[in-house]
């Protein structure tokens, strides 16, 4: 797992801890503003969390897509002031509460980055023309690691305070979120819903 501060403010003791989704990169989120510190976790070829959070007094957790699954397992013993999930579930890969394992396996075998981008951004793909992605083979390895991780950790004990679901999501089944959570906040967006927001505090 990699870490990068998207925003740093030495005068703030607040942190927004952001777990990106599969294939997420810091370049995808530069348009979002904040006066707080924003730390992004991404690149799930290595699924271990080693960042020291003790220097911050108030921490908000935001997780996107498969990052919801990863954060719910790795951070289950941490205390947060608020926890927000976007287009993902705790199980991540599951027959009813995630992406079906059979479909996920097929996606690994036939993975094509350009097709994935079209599903991720849909009609807003032009806004993502400068976004950085890893090489296709590395992304396939990331998918394999996520599959192994999700199927190994099947607990659902993590409680989110707010859950967003995109109506136009072609990546993560909306029914999986409906089966996992009682209350959803709907966005008229594709899977990558972040163009809907201008600041991290809006979430």
Protein backbone atom coordinates (compact mmCIF):
# COMPACT_ATOMS: atom_id res chain seq x y z
CA UNK A 1 0.00 0.00 0.00
CA UNK A 2 1.20 3.47 -0.82
CA UNK A 3 0.50 6.71 1.05
CA UNK A 4 0.47 10.28 -0.21
CA UNK A 5 -0.70 13.53 1.33
CA UNK A 6 -3.11 15.18 -1.08
CA UNK A 7 -3.31 18.18 1.27
CA UNK A 8 -1.07 19.19 4.16
CA UNK A 9 -1.73 21.95 6.69
CA UNK A 10 0.68 22.25 9.63
CA UNK A 11 -1.88 24.44 11.45
CA UNK A 12 -4.50 21.69 11.46
CA UNK A 13 -4.60 18.60 13.68
CA UNK A 14 -7.47 17.12 11.68
CA UNK A 15 -6.99 14.37 9.14
CA UNK A 16 -9.15 13.04 6.34
CA UNK A 17 -7.91 9.50 5.74
CA UNK A 18 -8.91 8.39 2.25
CA UNK A 19 -8.79 4.82 0.97
CA UNK A 20 -8.98 4.91 -2.82
CA UNK A 21 -10.53 2.24 -4.97
CA UNK A 22 -8.91 -0.26 -7.30
CA UNK A 23 -6.59 1.58 -9.73
CA UNK A 24 -7.03 4.88 -7.87
CA UNK A 25 -4.11 7.32 -8.01
CA UNK A 26 -3.55 10.70 -6.27
CA UNK A 27 -3.87 12.45 -9.66
CA UNK A 28 -7.56 11.49 -9.71
CA UNK A 29 -8.40 13.69 -6.72
CA UNK A 30 -6.38 16.89 -7.14
CA UNK A 31 -9.53 18.94 -7.83
CA UNK A 32 -10.81 18.41 -4.28
CA UNK A 33 -9.88 21.19 -1.85
CA UNK A 34 -9.50 21.16 1.94
CA UNK A 35 -7.91 23.15 4.77
CA UNK A 36 -7.37 19.88 6.65
CA UNK A 37 -4.72 17.25 6.09
CA UNK A 38 -5.80 14.66 3.52
CA UNK A 39 -3.87 11.39 3.35
CA UNK A 40 -4.60 8.95 0.54
CA UNK A 41 -3.97 5.20 0.74
CA UNK A 42 -3.84 3.38 -2.59
CA UNK A 43 -2.20 0.64 -4.67
CA UNK A 44 -3.45 -2.59 -3.10
CA UNK A 45 -0.81 -4.97 -4.41
CA UNK A 46 0.38 -4.75 -0.79
CA UNK A 47 -2.47 -4.91 1.70
CA UNK A 48 -0.97 -3.75 4.98
CA UNK A 49 -1.57 -0.49 6.84
CA UNK A 50 1.52 0.93 8.55
CA UNK A 51 0.82 4.66 8.89
CA UNK A 52 0.89 6.22 12.38
CA UNK A 53 -2.35 8.14 12.97
CA UNK A 54 -1.55 9.21 16.53
CA UNK A 55 -0.39 12.71 15.60
CA UNK A 56 -3.94 13.72 14.63
CA UNK A 57 -6.72 14.59 17.10
CA UNK A 58 -9.69 14.26 14.78
CA UNK A 59 -9.83 11.75 11.92
CA UNK A 60 -12.51 11.28 9.26
CA UNK A 61 -12.33 8.11 7.19
CA UNK A 62 -13.53 8.18 3.58
CA UNK A 63 -13.32 5.03 1.46
CA UNK A 64 -14.16 4.40 -2.17
CA UNK A 65 -15.15 1.20 -3.99
CA UNK A 66 -12.88 -1.73 -3.00
CA UNK A 67 -11.24 0.67 -0.55
CA UNK A 68 -14.39 0.29 1.57
CA UNK A 69 -13.65 -3.42 1.94
CA UNK A 70 -9.94 -2.86 2.60
CA UNK A 71 -10.47 -0.10 5.18
CA UNK A 72 -13.18 -2.06 7.01
CA UNK A 73 -10.74 -4.94 7.61
CA UNK A 74 -7.47 -3.12 8.23
CA UNK A 75 -8.91 -0.33 10.40
CA UNK A 76 -11.47 -2.26 12.45
CA UNK A 77 -9.60 -1.52 15.70
CA UNK A 78 -9.26 2.23 15.09
CA UNK A 79 -11.59 4.97 16.35
CA UNK A 80 -12.80 7.61 13.87
CA UNK A 81 -14.91 10.73 14.28
CA UNK A 82 -16.81 9.91 11.10
CA UNK A 83 -16.72 7.12 8.51
CA UNK A 84 -17.99 7.60 4.96
CA UNK A 85 -18.25 4.91 2.28
CA UNK A 86 -18.65 5.57 -1.45
CA UNK A 87 -19.77 2.89 -3.93
CA UNK A 88 -18.46 -0.08 -2.01
CA UNK A 89 -19.28 -2.60 0.75
CA UNK A 90 -17.46 -4.25 3.63
CA UNK A 91 -17.36 -7.61 1.87
CA UNK A 92 -16.33 -6.13 -1.47
CA UNK A 93 -16.49 -9.43 -3.34
CA UNK A 94 -19.55 -11.53 -2.50
CA UNK A 95 -22.53 -13.18 -4.19
CA UNK A 96 -25.05 -10.68 -2.77
CA UNK A 97 -23.12 -7.99 -0.86
CA UNK A 98 -20.37 -7.18 -3.31
CA UNK A 99 -19.12 -7.91 -6.81
CA UNK A 100 -19.88 -11.58 -7.52
CA UNK A 101 -16.68 -13.69 -7.28
CA UNK A 102 -17.34 -15.28 -10.68
CA UNK A 103 -17.68 -11.86 -12.32
CA UNK A 104 -14.62 -10.56 -10.48
CA UNK A 105 -12.56 -13.51 -11.73
CA UNK A 106 -13.73 -12.91 -15.29
CA UNK A 107 -12.81 -9.23 -14.97
CA UNK A 108 -9.27 -10.20 -13.96
CA UNK A 109 -8.82 -12.47 -16.98
CA UNK A 110 -10.23 -10.03 -19.54
CA UNK A 111 -9.12 -6.79 -17.87
CA UNK A 112 -8.60 -3.92 -20.29
CA UNK A 113 -7.64 -0.54 -18.89
CA UNK A 114 -9.35 1.55 -21.56
CA UNK A 115 -12.62 -0.32 -21.12
CA UNK A 116 -12.32 0.04 -17.36
CA UNK A 117 -11.90 3.81 -17.71
CA UNK A 118 -15.08 3.99 -19.80
CA UNK A 119 -17.02 2.16 -17.09
CA UNK A 120 -15.40 4.20 -14.33
CA UNK A 121 -16.07 7.68 -15.72
CA UNK A 122 -18.71 7.14 -18.45
CA UNK A 123 -19.75 10.48 -20.00
CA UNK A 124 -17.25 12.37 -17.80
CA UNK A 125 -14.21 10.56 -19.18
CA UNK A 126 -12.85 13.75 -20.77
CA UNK A 127 -12.41 15.20 -17.27
CA UNK A 128 -10.05 12.32 -16.51
CA UNK A 129 -7.77 12.68 -19.54
CA UNK A 130 -4.73 13.60 -17.39
CA UNK A 131 -5.27 10.93 -14.76
CA UNK A 132 -2.42 8.52 -14.08
CA UNK A 133 -2.88 4.74 -14.01
CA UNK A 134 -0.51 1.86 -13.43
CA UNK A 135 0.40 -0.52 -16.24
CA UNK A 136 -2.26 -3.08 -17.12
CA UNK A 137 -0.29 -6.07 -15.78
CA UNK A 138 0.22 -4.35 -12.42
CA UNK A 139 -3.48 -3.58 -12.25
CA UNK A 140 -4.28 -7.26 -12.87
CA UNK A 141 -2.01 -8.17 -9.96
CA UNK A 142 -3.83 -5.64 -7.81
CA UNK A 143 -7.15 -7.26 -8.72
CA UNK A 144 -5.79 -10.70 -7.76
CA UNK A 145 -4.60 -9.39 -4.39
CA UNK A 146 -7.98 -7.76 -3.73
CA UNK A 147 -9.81 -10.99 -4.59
CA UNK A 148 -7.64 -13.02 -2.25
CA UNK A 149 -7.99 -10.42 0.53
CA UNK A 150 -11.77 -10.06 0.26
CA UNK A 151 -12.44 -13.81 0.23
CA UNK A 152 -10.14 -14.32 3.21
CA UNK A 153 -11.79 -11.62 5.35
CA UNK A 154 -15.57 -12.11 5.36
CA UNK A 155 -16.56 -10.23 8.55
CA UNK A 156 -18.98 -7.28 8.38
CA UNK A 157 -18.50 -5.68 11.80
CA UNK A 158 -17.40 -2.25 10.53
CA UNK A 159 -20.12 0.42 10.82
CA UNK A 160 -20.19 3.40 8.42
CA UNK A 161 -21.91 6.67 9.29
CA UNK A 162 -22.79 7.64 5.72
CA UNK A 163 -22.90 5.61 2.51
CA UNK A 164 -23.06 7.05 -0.99
CA UNK A 165 -24.29 5.06 -3.97
CA UNK A 166 -24.05 6.18 -7.61
CA UNK A 167 -27.16 5.63 -9.70
CA UNK A 168 -25.06 5.29 -12.88
CA UNK A 169 -22.58 2.82 -11.37
CA UNK A 170 -21.48 0.17 -13.90
CA UNK A 171 -18.60 -1.13 -11.78
CA UNK A 172 -20.01 -1.95 -8.34
CA UNK A 173 -23.56 -3.37 -8.22
CA UNK A 174 -25.96 -0.96 -6.52
CA UNK A 175 -27.94 -3.96 -5.23
CA UNK A 176 -24.87 -5.01 -3.27
CA UNK A 177 -25.03 -1.72 -1.36
CA UNK A 178 -28.78 -2.06 -0.85
CA UNK A 179 -28.21 -5.57 0.55
CA UNK A 180 -25.45 -4.31 2.87
CA UNK A 181 -26.72 -1.03 4.26
CA UNK A 182 -30.06 0.29 5.53
CA UNK A 183 -29.67 3.90 4.36
CA UNK A 184 -28.01 5.15 1.19
CA UNK A 185 -27.40 8.64 -0.18
CA UNK A 186 -27.81 8.49 -3.94
CA UNK A 187 -25.72 10.40 -6.45
CA UNK A 188 -26.56 10.86 -10.11
CA UNK A 189 -23.00 9.89 -11.03
CA UNK A 190 -20.96 7.02 -12.51
CA UNK A 191 -18.81 4.79 -10.27
CA UNK A 192 -16.18 7.54 -9.98
CA UNK A 193 -18.45 10.02 -8.21
CA UNK A 194 -15.83 12.56 -7.21
CA UNK A 195 -16.52 15.13 -9.92
CA UNK A 196 -19.78 15.75 -8.03
CA UNK A 197 -17.74 17.37 -5.23
CA UNK A 198 -15.37 20.35 -5.07
CA UNK A 199 -14.05 19.90 -1.52
CA UNK A 200 -13.35 16.96 0.81
CA UNK A 201 -15.53 18.56 3.46
CA UNK A 202 -18.65 18.25 1.29
CA UNK A 203 -18.76 14.50 1.84
